[in-house]
Amino acid sequence: MMGWLERTIRRSTKERRAMKTVKIRGMSCMHCVKAVAKALSEIDGVTDVRVDLSAGEATFEEATPVDIEVIREKIKKAGYEPG
């Protein structure tokens, strides 16, 4: 059974994580989705990556702050254009 302190720590840790969304141009298939998801998942501090082909965007959690330029570079290296 979890005590109040453990619940508080767990909740405060989750609240500090920021959900981010980035637009991505050039994706046309599920291979593209997997390539972008893999590229973003390799970044330290990025978790829970979800790529939406129809919306042309990726959503992810930042467990620790990540420079947007690092994210943009990873997307470019995967062969796509960050929006």
Protein backbone atom coordinates (compact mmCIF):
# COMPACT_ATOMS: atom_id res chain seq x y z
CA MET A 1 0.00 0.00 0.00
CA MET A 2 1.36 3.41 -0.96
CA GLY A 3 1.53 6.14 1.66
CA TRP A 4 0.65 9.80 1.17
CA LEU A 5 4.31 10.79 0.66
CA GLU A 6 4.82 8.30 -2.16
CA ARG A 7 1.59 9.45 -3.86
CA THR A 8 2.64 13.09 -3.51
CA ILE A 9 6.10 12.45 -4.96
CA ARG A 10 4.67 10.44 -7.84
CA ARG A 11 2.06 13.11 -8.63
CA SER A 12 4.54 16.01 -8.41
CA THR A 13 7.03 14.18 -10.66
CA LYS A 14 4.34 13.60 -13.27
CA GLU A 15 3.15 17.22 -13.07
CA ARG A 16 6.66 18.50 -13.84
CA ARG A 17 6.74 16.68 -17.14
CA ALA A 18 5.71 18.93 -19.97
CA MET A 19 3.74 17.68 -22.95
CA LYS A 20 5.05 19.19 -26.18
CA THR A 21 3.80 19.06 -29.74
CA VAL A 22 5.81 19.75 -32.86
CA LYS A 23 4.53 19.97 -36.43
CA ILE A 24 6.37 17.84 -38.99
CA ARG A 25 6.20 18.18 -42.77
CA GLY A 26 7.04 15.44 -45.26
CA MET A 27 5.57 12.36 -43.58
CA SER A 28 3.49 10.23 -45.94
CA CYS A 29 3.35 6.70 -44.52
CA MET A 30 3.74 4.55 -41.42
CA HIS A 31 7.45 4.14 -42.15
CA CYS A 32 7.74 7.93 -41.74
CA VAL A 33 5.86 7.76 -38.45
CA LYS A 34 8.20 5.08 -37.12
CA ALA A 35 11.30 6.98 -38.26
CA VAL A 36 10.21 10.17 -36.49
CA ALA A 37 9.14 8.30 -33.34
CA LYS A 38 12.50 6.51 -33.21
CA ALA A 39 14.46 9.72 -33.75
CA LEU A 40 12.61 11.60 -31.01
CA SER A 41 12.75 8.66 -28.61
CA GLU A 42 16.55 8.70 -28.83
CA ILE A 43 16.72 12.18 -27.26
CA ASP A 44 17.61 12.19 -23.55
CA GLY A 45 14.66 13.54 -21.58
CA VAL A 46 12.02 12.74 -24.22
CA THR A 47 9.46 10.05 -23.36
CA ASP A 48 6.05 8.85 -24.49
CA VAL A 49 6.47 9.85 -28.15
CA ARG A 50 3.32 9.72 -30.29
CA VAL A 51 3.38 10.61 -33.98
CA ASP A 52 0.13 11.42 -35.80
CA LEU A 53 0.46 11.04 -39.56
CA SER A 54 -2.87 12.66 -40.46
CA ALA A 55 -2.21 15.70 -38.23
CA GLY A 56 1.44 15.90 -39.28
CA GLU A 57 2.70 16.23 -35.73
CA ALA A 58 4.49 14.50 -32.90
CA THR A 59 3.58 14.79 -29.23
CA PHE A 60 5.92 13.80 -26.43
CA GLU A 61 6.68 14.33 -22.76
CA GLU A 62 9.76 16.12 -21.55
CA ALA A 63 10.98 14.39 -18.42
CA THR A 64 13.73 17.01 -18.38
CA PRO A 65 13.90 20.22 -20.45
CA VAL A 66 15.11 19.66 -24.01
CA ASP A 67 16.37 22.39 -26.32
CA ILE A 68 13.99 22.79 -29.28
CA GLU A 69 16.99 22.89 -31.63
CA VAL A 70 17.94 19.36 -30.56
CA ILE A 71 14.41 18.23 -31.45
CA ARG A 72 14.49 20.07 -34.79
CA GLU A 73 17.88 18.55 -35.69
CA LYS A 74 16.71 15.01 -34.91
CA ILE A 75 13.66 15.49 -37.12
CA LYS A 76 15.82 16.87 -39.95
CA LYS A 77 18.33 14.00 -39.65
CA ALA A 78 15.42 11.56 -39.93
CA GLY A 79 14.59 13.21 -43.28
CA TYR A 80 11.65 15.44 -42.37
CA GLU A 81 11.01 19.15 -41.92
CA PRO A 82 10.04 20.46 -38.47
CA GLY A 83 7.19 22.95 -38.67
